[in-house]
Amino acid sequence: MDSDINKLVKDGAERIGLSQADIIRLGLRRGVPAFVQDTLQTQQRRRNLSWAWLDAYPARLCPQRSAKPISGKS
């Protein structure tokens, strides 16, 4: 465990009067769902920003090409 996290856990255990295992368990129980939710929201925002420019790009500037079938080996 990182020294700064270890210090937080020890200090929290002393202040509250719980064991270090309880502090870690309760911290994970409270922190993991919030972390997952924040990460999902960030990913969704990033996804929206990444592809939003395509909606503004005029489609008529990109001519549609017909697909040529791949026939055997050359």
C-alpha atoms as a PDB file:
ATOM      1  CA  MET A   1       0.000   0.000   0.000  1.00  0.00           C
ATOM      2  CA  ASP A   2       1.278   3.498  -0.787  1.00  0.00           C
ATOM      3  CA  SER A   3       2.663   5.353   2.204  1.00  0.00           C
ATOM      4  CA  ASP A   4       0.205   8.258   1.859  1.00  0.00           C
ATOM      5  CA  ILE A   5      -2.779   5.878   1.726  1.00  0.00           C
ATOM      6  CA  ASN A   6      -1.373   3.896   4.636  1.00  0.00           C
ATOM      7  CA  LYS A   7      -1.081   7.110   6.672  1.00  0.00           C
ATOM      8  CA  LEU A   8      -4.682   8.088   5.841  1.00  0.00           C
ATOM      9  CA  VAL A   9      -5.934   4.670   6.939  1.00  0.00           C
ATOM     10  CA  LYS A  10      -3.944   4.710  10.186  1.00  0.00           C
ATOM     11  CA  ASP A  11      -4.998   8.264  11.039  1.00  0.00           C
ATOM     12  CA  GLY A  12      -8.627   7.497  10.262  1.00  0.00           C
ATOM     13  CA  ALA A  13      -8.582   4.340  12.368  1.00  0.00           C
ATOM     14  CA  GLU A  14      -7.129   6.224  15.331  1.00  0.00           C
ATOM     15  CA  ARG A  15      -9.558   9.139  15.063  1.00  0.00           C
ATOM     16  CA  ILE A  16     -12.709   7.043  14.651  1.00  0.00           C
ATOM     17  CA  GLY A  17     -11.709   4.087  16.790  1.00  0.00           C
ATOM     18  CA  LEU A  18     -12.158   1.426  14.120  1.00  0.00           C
ATOM     19  CA  SER A  19      -9.645  -1.101  12.887  1.00  0.00           C
ATOM     20  CA  GLN A  20      -7.641  -0.365   9.772  1.00  0.00           C
ATOM     21  CA  ALA A  21      -9.431  -3.226   7.992  1.00  0.00           C
ATOM     22  CA  ASP A  22     -12.793  -1.620   8.813  1.00  0.00           C
ATOM     23  CA  ILE A  23     -11.598   1.738   7.493  1.00  0.00           C
ATOM     24  CA  ILE A  24     -10.452   0.137   4.218  1.00  0.00           C
ATOM     25  CA  ARG A  25     -13.624  -1.948   3.876  1.00  0.00           C
ATOM     26  CA  LEU A  26     -15.940   1.012   4.525  1.00  0.00           C
ATOM     27  CA  GLY A  27     -13.855   3.310   2.334  1.00  0.00           C
ATOM     28  CA  LEU A  28     -14.038   0.870  -0.562  1.00  0.00           C
ATOM     29  CA  ARG A  29     -17.754   0.354  -0.049  1.00  0.00           C
ATOM     30  CA  ARG A  30     -18.349   4.099  -0.207  1.00  0.00           C
ATOM     31  CA  GLY A  31     -15.632   4.987  -2.690  1.00  0.00           C
ATOM     32  CA  VAL A  32     -15.754   2.309  -5.388  1.00  0.00           C
ATOM     33  CA  PRO A  33     -19.339   3.004  -6.547  1.00  0.00           C
ATOM     34  CA  ALA A  34     -18.619   6.739  -6.730  1.00  0.00           C
ATOM     35  CA  PHE A  35     -15.374   6.080  -8.611  1.00  0.00           C
ATOM     36  CA  VAL A  36     -17.117   3.815 -11.135  1.00  0.00           C
ATOM     37  CA  GLN A  37     -19.927   6.332 -11.660  1.00  0.00           C
ATOM     38  CA  ASP A  38     -17.487   9.225 -12.141  1.00  0.00           C
ATOM     39  CA  THR A  39     -15.410   7.180 -14.584  1.00  0.00           C
ATOM     40  CA  LEU A  40     -18.457   6.174 -16.631  1.00  0.00           C
ATOM     41  CA  GLN A  41     -19.642   9.780 -16.821  1.00  0.00           C
ATOM     42  CA  THR A  42     -16.190  10.947 -17.885  1.00  0.00           C
ATOM     43  CA  GLN A  43     -15.991   8.256 -20.565  1.00  0.00           C
ATOM     44  CA  GLN A  44     -19.443   9.190 -21.877  1.00  0.00           C
ATOM     45  CA  ARG A  45     -18.505  12.891 -22.032  1.00  0.00           C
ATOM     46  CA  ARG A  46     -15.249  12.041 -23.791  1.00  0.00           C
ATOM     47  CA  ARG A  47     -17.110   9.796 -26.251  1.00  0.00           C
ATOM     48  CA  ASN A  48     -19.623  12.559 -26.982  1.00  0.00           C
ATOM     49  CA  LEU A  49     -16.869  15.116 -27.545  1.00  0.00           C
ATOM     50  CA  SER A  50     -14.856  12.753 -29.692  1.00  0.00           C
ATOM     51  CA  TRP A  51     -17.609  12.125 -32.241  1.00  0.00           C
ATOM     52  CA  ALA A  52     -19.608  15.380 -32.056  1.00  0.00           C
ATOM     53  CA  TRP A  53     -17.557  16.959 -34.828  1.00  0.00           C
ATOM     54  CA  LEU A  54     -18.908  14.387 -37.300  1.00  0.00           C
ATOM     55  CA  ASP A  55     -22.430  15.735 -36.910  1.00  0.00           C
ATOM     56  CA  ALA A  56     -21.278  19.215 -37.918  1.00  0.00           C
ATOM     57  CA  TYR A  57     -19.262  17.967 -40.920  1.00  0.00           C
ATOM     58  CA  PRO A  58     -21.231  18.391 -44.147  1.00  0.00           C
ATOM     59  CA  ALA A  59     -21.948  14.947 -45.564  1.00  0.00           C
ATOM     60  CA  ARG A  60     -22.085  16.184 -49.152  1.00  0.00           C
ATOM     61  CA  LEU A  61     -18.340  16.893 -49.074  1.00  0.00           C
ATOM     62  CA  CYS A  62     -17.718  13.179 -48.624  1.00  0.00           C
ATOM     63  CA  PRO A  63     -18.804  11.439 -51.816  1.00  0.00           C
ATOM     64  CA  GLN A  64     -20.136   7.954 -51.320  1.00  0.00           C
ATOM     65  CA  ARG A  65     -18.025   5.274 -52.952  1.00  0.00           C
ATOM     66  CA  SER A  66     -19.318   1.994 -54.107  1.00  0.00           C
ATOM     67  CA  ALA A  67     -17.652  -0.968 -52.494  1.00  0.00           C
ATOM     68  CA  LYS A  68     -15.731  -3.268 -54.784  1.00  0.00           C
ATOM     69  CA  PRO A  69     -15.912  -6.947 -53.867  1.00  0.00           C
ATOM     70  CA  ILE A  70     -12.606  -8.655 -53.169  1.00  0.00           C
ATOM     71  CA  SER A  71     -12.235 -11.443 -55.687  1.00  0.00           C
ATOM     72  CA  GLY A  72      -9.692 -14.157 -54.946  1.00  0.00           C
ATOM     73  CA  LYS A  73      -5.962 -13.665 -54.681  1.00  0.00           C
ATOM     74  CA  SER A  74      -4.032 -11.473 -57.066  1.00  0.00           C
END
